[in-house]
Structure formats: C-alpha cells, structure tokens
C-alpha cells in the first residue's frame, strides 16, 4: 500500500479549502479548521481498506483532531482503544507567537520533522510534506496550518 499517496489524494483538496467554525470567523485572521470535515468515514475506510467508526472531533486551543476508531477494539472510557486513522490540524494564530502564525506552524512542523523516525519527503503536497514510515504518519505544512495524519 502506498499510504502517503492514498492519504494525500484524499486530503489535498479538502486541506486547500479548510472548513472553519462560525465562532472562529469572529477572530480576524483566524480560521479554525474542523478536522472531521476533511475526510469522511467512507474515505477513511477506502484509504485503509477496513471498517472505521465515524470521526470523533476534539478541539484544544489551536489544535483540531478527528479520530476514526477501530470498531473491533475494546472501548475504554466510552472511546475505542485503537484508531484506524487520526487526523490533527494545528492552526497558527495571530498574536500567539512572536514571529507570527505562519512561523508558528512552520516551527511546529520542523520540530516534528526533526524528531521523526524516518522522514521521507512527499513532493507536491502543501509547502512541505513528509511520510514517517515507522509511525505511518503523513505530515503536511501549508501556510499557518500543520496537518498530521496517522494510520494504524
């Protein structure tokens, strides 16, 4: 399975036009991404070749996540213990980082890249992208957004 190409093809258009929540639109220059609008359950199942639970959305400050649980995994605290695919989008925010929101996202991306087990460049996706084959993780930088997709 060529996982980076599969994931990239599924999210490239959605990531180009991130879905924003109405509350985030009130902040000038800030668009909060709804990670669960970037991939559907059907797209996830097509990408990974197995069943998945509907996406579970979480938001913490400038980080939006969507986890598609494994329906075969036991539940712990009402959540599946294993994920089929997890998607996280960090959005740099104006005024939160001295160098600005684009630098905030870039610095987070570069820190993750330096700490990756095996960063293989993925051309043609965002401004910069890499695939970590050890952890089955695709990371993409685009403007003030740092997107990370993890396949289990």
C-alpha atoms as a PDB file:
ATOM      1  CA  UNK A   1       0.000   0.000   0.000  1.00  0.00           C
ATOM      2  CA  UNK A   2       1.352   3.440  -0.967  1.00  0.00           C
ATOM      3  CA  UNK A   3      -0.129   5.134   2.093  1.00  0.00           C
ATOM      4  CA  UNK A   4       1.288   8.657   1.540  1.00  0.00           C
ATOM      5  CA  UNK A   5      -0.188   8.853  -1.956  1.00  0.00           C
ATOM      6  CA  UNK A   6      -3.545   7.499  -0.820  1.00  0.00           C
ATOM      7  CA  UNK A   7      -3.865   9.855   2.119  1.00  0.00           C
ATOM      8  CA  UNK A   8      -2.537  12.790   0.140  1.00  0.00           C
ATOM      9  CA  UNK A   9      -5.035  12.299  -2.670  1.00  0.00           C
ATOM     10  CA  UNK A  10      -7.902  12.175  -0.178  1.00  0.00           C
ATOM     11  CA  UNK A  11      -6.999  15.338   1.736  1.00  0.00           C
ATOM     12  CA  UNK A  12      -5.232  17.619  -0.711  1.00  0.00           C
ATOM     13  CA  UNK A  13      -8.380  19.361  -1.957  1.00  0.00           C
ATOM     14  CA  UNK A  14     -10.065  19.446   1.423  1.00  0.00           C
ATOM     15  CA  UNK A  15      -6.957  20.881   3.056  1.00  0.00           C
ATOM     16  CA  UNK A  16      -6.669  23.534   0.355  1.00  0.00           C
ATOM     17  CA  UNK A  17     -10.026  24.925   1.488  1.00  0.00           C
ATOM     18  CA  UNK A  18     -10.225  24.261   5.256  1.00  0.00           C
ATOM     19  CA  UNK A  19     -13.650  24.240   6.880  1.00  0.00           C
ATOM     20  CA  UNK A  20     -13.970  26.886   9.560  1.00  0.00           C
ATOM     21  CA  UNK A  21     -16.256  27.014  12.546  1.00  0.00           C
ATOM     22  CA  UNK A  22     -18.530  30.108  12.750  1.00  0.00           C
ATOM     23  CA  UNK A  23     -17.058  31.097  16.145  1.00  0.00           C
ATOM     24  CA  UNK A  24     -13.546  31.168  14.719  1.00  0.00           C
ATOM     25  CA  UNK A  25     -14.644  33.512  11.935  1.00  0.00           C
ATOM     26  CA  UNK A  26     -15.234  36.192  14.584  1.00  0.00           C
ATOM     27  CA  UNK A  27     -11.455  36.392  15.237  1.00  0.00           C
ATOM     28  CA  UNK A  28      -9.818  38.469  12.479  1.00  0.00           C
ATOM     29  CA  UNK A  29      -7.237  36.473  10.524  1.00  0.00           C
ATOM     30  CA  UNK A  30      -8.016  33.171  12.230  1.00  0.00           C
ATOM     31  CA  UNK A  31      -9.764  30.228  10.598  1.00  0.00           C
ATOM     32  CA  UNK A  32     -10.288  27.245  12.885  1.00  0.00           C
ATOM     33  CA  UNK A  33     -10.277  24.012  10.916  1.00  0.00           C
ATOM     34  CA  UNK A  34     -12.849  21.306  11.609  1.00  0.00           C
ATOM     35  CA  UNK A  35     -10.657  18.220  11.151  1.00  0.00           C
ATOM     36  CA  UNK A  36     -13.679  15.919  10.804  1.00  0.00           C
ATOM     37  CA  UNK A  37     -14.766  17.769   7.649  1.00  0.00           C
ATOM     38  CA  UNK A  38     -11.512  16.912   5.852  1.00  0.00           C
ATOM     39  CA  UNK A  39     -12.198  13.167   5.486  1.00  0.00           C
ATOM     40  CA  UNK A  40     -15.409  11.171   5.616  1.00  0.00           C
ATOM     41  CA  UNK A  41     -15.806   7.763   7.226  1.00  0.00           C
ATOM     42  CA  UNK A  42     -16.219   6.251   3.732  1.00  0.00           C
ATOM     43  CA  UNK A  43     -12.988   7.900   2.526  1.00  0.00           C
ATOM     44  CA  UNK A  44     -11.106   6.624   5.567  1.00  0.00           C
ATOM     45  CA  UNK A  45     -12.421   3.091   5.001  1.00  0.00           C
ATOM     46  CA  UNK A  46     -11.384   3.307   1.337  1.00  0.00           C
ATOM     47  CA  UNK A  47      -7.906   4.520   2.283  1.00  0.00           C
ATOM     48  CA  UNK A  48      -7.152   1.920   4.922  1.00  0.00           C
ATOM     49  CA  UNK A  49      -9.171  -0.968   3.487  1.00  0.00           C
ATOM     50  CA  UNK A  50     -11.100  -1.759   6.662  1.00  0.00           C
ATOM     51  CA  UNK A  51     -14.103  -0.585   8.670  1.00  0.00           C
ATOM     52  CA  UNK A  52     -13.931   2.513  10.841  1.00  0.00           C
ATOM     53  CA  UNK A  53     -16.181   4.266  13.323  1.00  0.00           C
ATOM     54  CA  UNK A  54     -17.443   7.766  12.458  1.00  0.00           C
ATOM     55  CA  UNK A  55     -14.962  10.544  13.188  1.00  0.00           C
ATOM     56  CA  UNK A  56     -14.788  11.819  16.761  1.00  0.00           C
ATOM     57  CA  UNK A  57     -13.953  15.531  16.871  1.00  0.00           C
ATOM     58  CA  UNK A  58     -11.921  17.252  19.587  1.00  0.00           C
ATOM     59  CA  UNK A  59     -10.667  20.813  19.855  1.00  0.00           C
ATOM     60  CA  UNK A  60      -7.965  22.143  22.185  1.00  0.00           C
ATOM     61  CA  UNK A  61      -6.867  25.742  21.627  1.00  0.00           C
ATOM     62  CA  UNK A  62      -5.378  25.833  18.099  1.00  0.00           C
ATOM     63  CA  UNK A  63      -5.374  22.055  17.595  1.00  0.00           C
ATOM     64  CA  UNK A  64      -8.318  20.285  15.971  1.00  0.00           C
ATOM     65  CA  UNK A  65      -8.384  16.494  15.819  1.00  0.00           C
ATOM     66  CA  UNK A  66     -10.605  13.831  14.309  1.00  0.00           C
ATOM     67  CA  UNK A  67     -10.157  10.169  15.204  1.00  0.00           C
ATOM     68  CA  UNK A  68     -11.760   7.303  13.328  1.00  0.00           C
ATOM     69  CA  UNK A  69     -11.881   4.465  15.828  1.00  0.00           C
ATOM     70  CA  UNK A  70     -11.475   0.762  15.199  1.00  0.00           C
ATOM     71  CA  UNK A  71     -14.910  -0.882  15.635  1.00  0.00           C
ATOM     72  CA  UNK A  72     -13.188  -4.127  16.684  1.00  0.00           C
ATOM     73  CA  UNK A  73     -11.226  -2.505  19.526  1.00  0.00           C
ATOM     74  CA  UNK A  74     -12.480  -2.551  23.121  1.00  0.00           C
ATOM     75  CA  UNK A  75     -13.919   0.687  24.495  1.00  0.00           C
ATOM     76  CA  UNK A  76     -12.158   2.418  27.364  1.00  0.00           C
ATOM     77  CA  UNK A  77     -13.997   5.343  28.897  1.00  0.00           C
ATOM     78  CA  UNK A  78     -16.516   5.302  26.058  1.00  0.00           C
ATOM     79  CA  UNK A  79     -13.833   5.532  23.365  1.00  0.00           C
ATOM     80  CA  UNK A  80     -12.225   2.854  21.203  1.00  0.00           C
ATOM     81  CA  UNK A  81      -8.789   1.827  22.469  1.00  0.00           C
ATOM     82  CA  UNK A  82      -7.399   1.807  18.904  1.00  0.00           C
ATOM     83  CA  UNK A  83      -7.799   4.135  15.951  1.00  0.00           C
ATOM     84  CA  UNK A  84      -7.957   3.273  12.263  1.00  0.00           C
ATOM     85  CA  UNK A  85      -6.886   6.797  11.285  1.00  0.00           C
ATOM     86  CA  UNK A  86      -6.320  10.011  13.231  1.00  0.00           C
ATOM     87  CA  UNK A  87      -6.123  13.462  11.727  1.00  0.00           C
ATOM     88  CA  UNK A  88      -4.796  16.557  13.547  1.00  0.00           C
ATOM     89  CA  UNK A  89      -4.616  20.138  12.286  1.00  0.00           C
ATOM     90  CA  UNK A  90      -2.678  22.824  14.126  1.00  0.00           C
ATOM     91  CA  UNK A  91      -3.521  26.380  13.059  1.00  0.00           C
ATOM     92  CA  UNK A  92      -1.106  29.195  13.882  1.00  0.00           C
ATOM     93  CA  UNK A  93      -2.925  32.109  15.500  1.00  0.00           C
ATOM     94  CA  UNK A  94      -2.231  35.831  15.136  1.00  0.00           C
ATOM     95  CA  UNK A  95      -0.670  37.253  18.299  1.00  0.00           C
ATOM     96  CA  UNK A  96       0.074  33.857  19.859  1.00  0.00           C
ATOM     97  CA  UNK A  97       3.671  33.607  18.582  1.00  0.00           C
ATOM     98  CA  UNK A  98       6.149  36.473  18.263  1.00  0.00           C
ATOM     99  CA  UNK A  99       7.155  35.546  14.696  1.00  0.00           C
ATOM    100  CA  UNK A 100       3.531  35.213  13.539  1.00  0.00           C
ATOM    101  CA  UNK A 101       1.091  32.398  12.739  1.00  0.00           C
ATOM    102  CA  UNK A 102       2.885  31.044   9.655  1.00  0.00           C
ATOM    103  CA  UNK A 103       6.172  30.787  11.564  1.00  0.00           C
ATOM    104  CA  UNK A 104       4.321  29.163  14.474  1.00  0.00           C
ATOM    105  CA  UNK A 105       3.007  26.388  12.221  1.00  0.00           C
ATOM    106  CA  UNK A 106       6.361  26.052  10.405  1.00  0.00           C
ATOM    107  CA  UNK A 107       8.295  25.745  13.667  1.00  0.00           C
ATOM    108  CA  UNK A 108       5.886  23.084  14.983  1.00  0.00           C
ATOM    109  CA  UNK A 109       6.199  21.181  11.681  1.00  0.00           C
ATOM    110  CA  UNK A 110      10.021  21.422  11.645  1.00  0.00           C
ATOM    111  CA  UNK A 111      10.251  20.231  15.251  1.00  0.00           C
ATOM    112  CA  UNK A 112       8.104  17.207  14.395  1.00  0.00           C
ATOM    113  CA  UNK A 113      10.169  16.526  11.245  1.00  0.00           C
ATOM    114  CA  UNK A 114      13.452  16.629  13.168  1.00  0.00           C
ATOM    115  CA  UNK A 115      12.034  14.152  15.666  1.00  0.00           C
ATOM    116  CA  UNK A 116      10.548  11.790  13.066  1.00  0.00           C
ATOM    117  CA  UNK A 117      11.869   8.237  13.000  1.00  0.00           C
ATOM    118  CA  UNK A 118      12.106   8.173   9.194  1.00  0.00           C
ATOM    119  CA  UNK A 119      11.125  11.356   7.338  1.00  0.00           C
ATOM    120  CA  UNK A 120      10.675  10.671   3.598  1.00  0.00           C
ATOM    121  CA  UNK A 121       9.865  13.788   1.535  1.00  0.00           C
ATOM    122  CA  UNK A 122       6.465  13.772  -0.197  1.00  0.00           C
ATOM    123  CA  UNK A 123       6.574  16.114  -3.189  1.00  0.00           C
ATOM    124  CA  UNK A 124       3.637  18.153  -4.436  1.00  0.00           C
ATOM    125  CA  UNK A 125       1.687  18.382  -1.197  1.00  0.00           C
ATOM    126  CA  UNK A 126       1.461  21.708   0.643  1.00  0.00           C
ATOM    127  CA  UNK A 127       4.632  23.742   1.064  1.00  0.00           C
ATOM    128  CA  UNK A 128       6.432  20.791   2.617  1.00  0.00           C
ATOM    129  CA  UNK A 129       5.405  17.260   3.477  1.00  0.00           C
ATOM    130  CA  UNK A 130       6.959  14.055   4.729  1.00  0.00           C
ATOM    131  CA  UNK A 131       5.953  10.471   5.422  1.00  0.00           C
ATOM    132  CA  UNK A 132       7.244   8.700   8.526  1.00  0.00           C
ATOM    133  CA  UNK A 133       7.044   5.027   7.509  1.00  0.00           C
ATOM    134  CA  UNK A 134       7.939   3.835  11.004  1.00  0.00           C
ATOM    135  CA  UNK A 135       4.927   5.509  12.600  1.00  0.00           C
ATOM    136  CA  UNK A 136       2.744   5.555   9.432  1.00  0.00           C
ATOM    137  CA  UNK A 137       2.297   9.308   9.702  1.00  0.00           C
ATOM    138  CA  UNK A 138       1.905  11.900   6.960  1.00  0.00           C
ATOM    139  CA  UNK A 139       2.765  15.489   7.971  1.00  0.00           C
ATOM    140  CA  UNK A 140       1.963  18.493   5.770  1.00  0.00           C
ATOM    141  CA  UNK A 141       2.748  22.193   6.165  1.00  0.00           C
ATOM    142  CA  UNK A 142       0.628  24.757   4.349  1.00  0.00           C
ATOM    143  CA  UNK A 143       0.706  28.393   5.420  1.00  0.00           C
ATOM    144  CA  UNK A 144      -0.480  28.661   9.012  1.00  0.00           C
ATOM    145  CA  UNK A 145      -1.660  25.031   9.043  1.00  0.00           C
ATOM    146  CA  UNK A 146       0.281  21.915  10.080  1.00  0.00           C
ATOM    147  CA  UNK A 147      -1.681  18.767   9.289  1.00  0.00           C
ATOM    148  CA  UNK A 148      -0.797  15.294  10.550  1.00  0.00           C
ATOM    149  CA  UNK A 149      -2.477  12.036   9.513  1.00  0.00           C
ATOM    150  CA  UNK A 150      -1.676   8.823  11.372  1.00  0.00           C
ATOM    151  CA  UNK A 151      -2.727   5.425  10.032  1.00  0.00           C
ATOM    152  CA  UNK A 152      -2.901   2.450  12.379  1.00  0.00           C
END
